[in-house]
């Protein structure tokens, strides 16, 4: 019986390693699949334990791969979990393209509207401060910001 279990584990481990998993990862997935089988058998009988173990281990492997792709590699150092949160190359390139497009769109605004928008959104100034400095009403400043925002949203559509 014990020999049969070892052979089953070896087959599952080999299947995982053929799919590109390291020996350590394969061992971890087999162990986790075994724990899940034991827990599941407490509630319901498993007709084909080897098939259950194989499918569970393969699913764990796929889930780990997806997590690594979506969230970056995780490295454990002295029980401190470090996660690489830096954006991927594609995200950086797309962000730069969006920023270039936004810069182009901002330059298309009329000079007064651009000045008001940048003073408010970039410099963080209040409508009241801008209105006082430019000799405009607060309502006019609000309208310039709203107009600029609407134009930028329209021009940036699809980015």
Protein backbone atom coordinates (compact mmCIF):
# COMPACT_ATOMS: atom_id res chain seq x y z
CA UNK A 1 0.00 0.00 0.00
CA UNK A 2 2.74 2.46 0.97
CA UNK A 3 4.66 1.54 -2.17
CA UNK A 4 1.55 2.26 -4.28
CA UNK A 5 1.19 5.71 -2.72
CA UNK A 6 4.85 6.49 -3.41
CA UNK A 7 4.40 5.44 -7.05
CA UNK A 8 1.30 7.64 -7.40
CA UNK A 9 3.17 10.60 -5.93
CA UNK A 10 6.09 9.96 -8.28
CA UNK A 11 3.77 9.90 -11.35
CA UNK A 12 2.12 13.17 -10.33
CA UNK A 13 5.50 14.74 -9.57
CA UNK A 14 6.81 13.72 -13.01
CA UNK A 15 3.69 15.10 -14.71
CA UNK A 16 4.26 18.44 -13.01
CA UNK A 17 7.96 18.49 -13.88
CA UNK A 18 7.15 17.73 -17.55
CA UNK A 19 5.04 20.88 -17.45
CA UNK A 20 8.03 22.95 -16.37
CA UNK A 21 7.78 22.84 -12.58
CA UNK A 22 10.90 22.48 -10.46
CA UNK A 23 11.34 19.44 -8.21
CA UNK A 24 10.62 21.56 -5.14
CA UNK A 25 7.47 23.08 -6.62
CA UNK A 26 6.27 19.66 -7.79
CA UNK A 27 6.79 18.25 -4.28
CA UNK A 28 4.88 21.17 -2.78
CA UNK A 29 1.95 20.74 -5.17
CA UNK A 30 1.79 16.97 -4.53
CA UNK A 31 1.82 17.57 -0.79
CA UNK A 32 -0.89 20.24 -1.02
CA UNK A 33 -2.99 17.96 -3.25
CA UNK A 34 -2.63 15.18 -0.66
CA UNK A 35 -3.79 17.49 2.13
CA UNK A 36 -6.81 18.54 0.07
CA UNK A 37 -7.66 14.90 -0.69
CA UNK A 38 -7.56 13.97 3.01
CA UNK A 39 -9.76 16.98 3.91
CA UNK A 40 -12.20 16.22 1.10
CA UNK A 41 -12.46 12.55 2.11
CA UNK A 42 -13.70 13.70 5.51
CA UNK A 43 -16.87 14.98 3.83
CA UNK A 44 -17.29 12.71 0.82
CA UNK A 45 -15.85 9.49 -0.55
CA UNK A 46 -13.42 9.85 -3.45
CA UNK A 47 -13.89 7.15 -6.09
CA UNK A 48 -10.55 7.68 -7.85
CA UNK A 49 -8.00 9.18 -5.42
CA UNK A 50 -5.14 9.10 -7.95
CA UNK A 51 -7.18 11.09 -10.49
CA UNK A 52 -8.23 13.51 -7.74
CA UNK A 53 -4.60 14.01 -6.71
CA UNK A 54 -3.42 14.50 -10.31
CA UNK A 55 -6.14 17.02 -11.19
CA UNK A 56 -5.68 18.92 -7.92
CA UNK A 57 -1.89 19.11 -8.29
CA UNK A 58 -2.19 20.29 -11.91
CA UNK A 59 -4.77 22.91 -10.92
CA UNK A 60 -2.53 24.14 -8.10
CA UNK A 61 0.32 24.44 -10.61
CA UNK A 62 -1.83 26.45 -13.03
CA UNK A 63 -3.07 28.70 -10.21
CA UNK A 64 0.52 29.34 -9.05
CA UNK A 65 1.57 30.21 -12.61
CA UNK A 66 -1.34 32.63 -13.02
CA UNK A 67 -0.58 34.27 -9.69
CA UNK A 68 3.07 34.68 -10.68
CA UNK A 69 2.12 36.21 -14.04
CA UNK A 70 -0.48 38.57 -12.55
CA UNK A 71 1.27 39.52 -9.31
CA UNK A 72 4.97 39.03 -9.97
CA UNK A 73 7.38 36.68 -8.28
CA UNK A 74 7.32 36.32 -4.53
CA UNK A 75 10.50 35.78 -2.58
CA UNK A 76 10.52 34.74 1.07
CA UNK A 77 13.48 35.99 3.09
CA UNK A 78 13.50 35.17 6.80
CA UNK A 79 9.71 35.03 6.82
CA UNK A 80 9.42 38.43 5.16
CA UNK A 81 7.38 38.29 1.99
CA UNK A 82 8.65 40.55 -0.78
CA UNK A 83 6.45 41.02 -3.82
CA UNK A 84 7.67 42.62 -7.02
CA UNK A 85 5.00 45.27 -7.61
CA UNK A 86 6.81 47.03 -10.44
CA UNK A 87 4.69 47.28 -13.57
CA UNK A 88 5.61 45.09 -16.51
CA UNK A 89 7.28 46.37 -19.67
CA UNK A 90 4.00 46.44 -21.59
CA UNK A 91 2.29 48.53 -18.90
CA UNK A 92 5.20 50.98 -18.89
CA UNK A 93 5.12 51.37 -22.68
CA UNK A 94 1.34 51.87 -22.69
CA UNK A 95 1.56 54.42 -19.87
CA UNK A 96 4.22 56.38 -21.76
CA UNK A 97 2.07 56.34 -24.90
CA UNK A 98 -0.95 57.55 -22.90
CA UNK A 99 1.14 60.29 -21.30
CA UNK A 100 2.43 61.45 -24.71
CA UNK A 101 -1.16 61.47 -26.00
CA UNK A 102 -2.33 63.44 -22.95
CA UNK A 103 0.51 65.94 -23.40
CA UNK A 104 -0.54 66.41 -27.02
CA UNK A 105 -4.18 66.87 -25.99
CA UNK A 106 -3.31 69.42 -23.29
CA UNK A 107 -1.30 71.41 -25.81
CA UNK A 108 -4.42 71.57 -28.03
CA UNK A 109 -6.40 73.44 -25.34
CA UNK A 110 -6.66 77.20 -25.72
CA UNK A 111 -3.96 78.93 -23.66
CA UNK A 112 -6.25 80.40 -20.98
CA UNK A 113 -8.08 77.10 -20.41
CA UNK A 114 -4.77 75.21 -20.31
CA UNK A 115 -3.32 77.66 -17.77
CA UNK A 116 -6.37 77.32 -15.52
CA UNK A 117 -6.51 73.53 -15.81
CA UNK A 118 -2.81 73.09 -15.02
CA UNK A 119 -2.97 75.54 -12.12
CA UNK A 120 -5.82 73.55 -10.60
CA UNK A 121 -4.90 69.92 -11.47
CA UNK A 122 -1.10 70.05 -11.45
CA UNK A 123 -0.30 72.86 -9.03
CA UNK A 124 -3.24 72.00 -6.75
CA UNK A 125 -4.50 75.57 -6.53
CA UNK A 126 -8.10 76.31 -5.55
CA UNK A 127 -10.64 77.87 -7.88
CA UNK A 128 -10.72 80.94 -5.65
CA UNK A 129 -6.94 81.48 -5.86
CA UNK A 130 -6.93 81.07 -9.63
CA UNK A 131 -9.91 83.40 -10.05
CA UNK A 132 -8.31 86.08 -7.87
CA UNK A 133 -4.92 85.89 -9.68
CA UNK A 134 -6.46 85.98 -13.17
CA UNK A 135 -9.19 88.51 -12.40
CA UNK A 136 -11.98 86.06 -13.20
CA UNK A 137 -15.03 84.86 -11.33
CA UNK A 138 -14.92 81.49 -9.59
CA UNK A 139 -17.73 80.35 -11.87
CA UNK A 140 -15.63 81.16 -14.96
CA UNK A 141 -12.69 79.19 -13.57
CA UNK A 142 -15.00 76.23 -12.87
CA UNK A 143 -16.31 76.39 -16.43
CA UNK A 144 -12.77 76.43 -17.87
CA UNK A 145 -11.81 73.37 -15.83
CA UNK A 146 -15.01 71.54 -16.78
CA UNK A 147 -14.56 72.42 -20.47
CA UNK A 148 -10.92 71.29 -20.44
CA UNK A 149 -11.78 68.04 -18.67
CA UNK A 150 -14.54 67.26 -21.16
CA UNK A 151 -12.29 68.03 -24.15
CA UNK A 152 -9.45 65.90 -22.77
CA UNK A 153 -11.79 62.99 -22.09
CA UNK A 154 -13.12 63.21 -25.66
CA UNK A 155 -9.65 63.44 -27.22
CA UNK A 156 -8.28 60.65 -25.05
CA UNK A 157 -11.17 58.30 -25.88
CA UNK A 158 -9.83 54.81 -26.54
CA UNK A 159 -6.56 55.26 -24.65
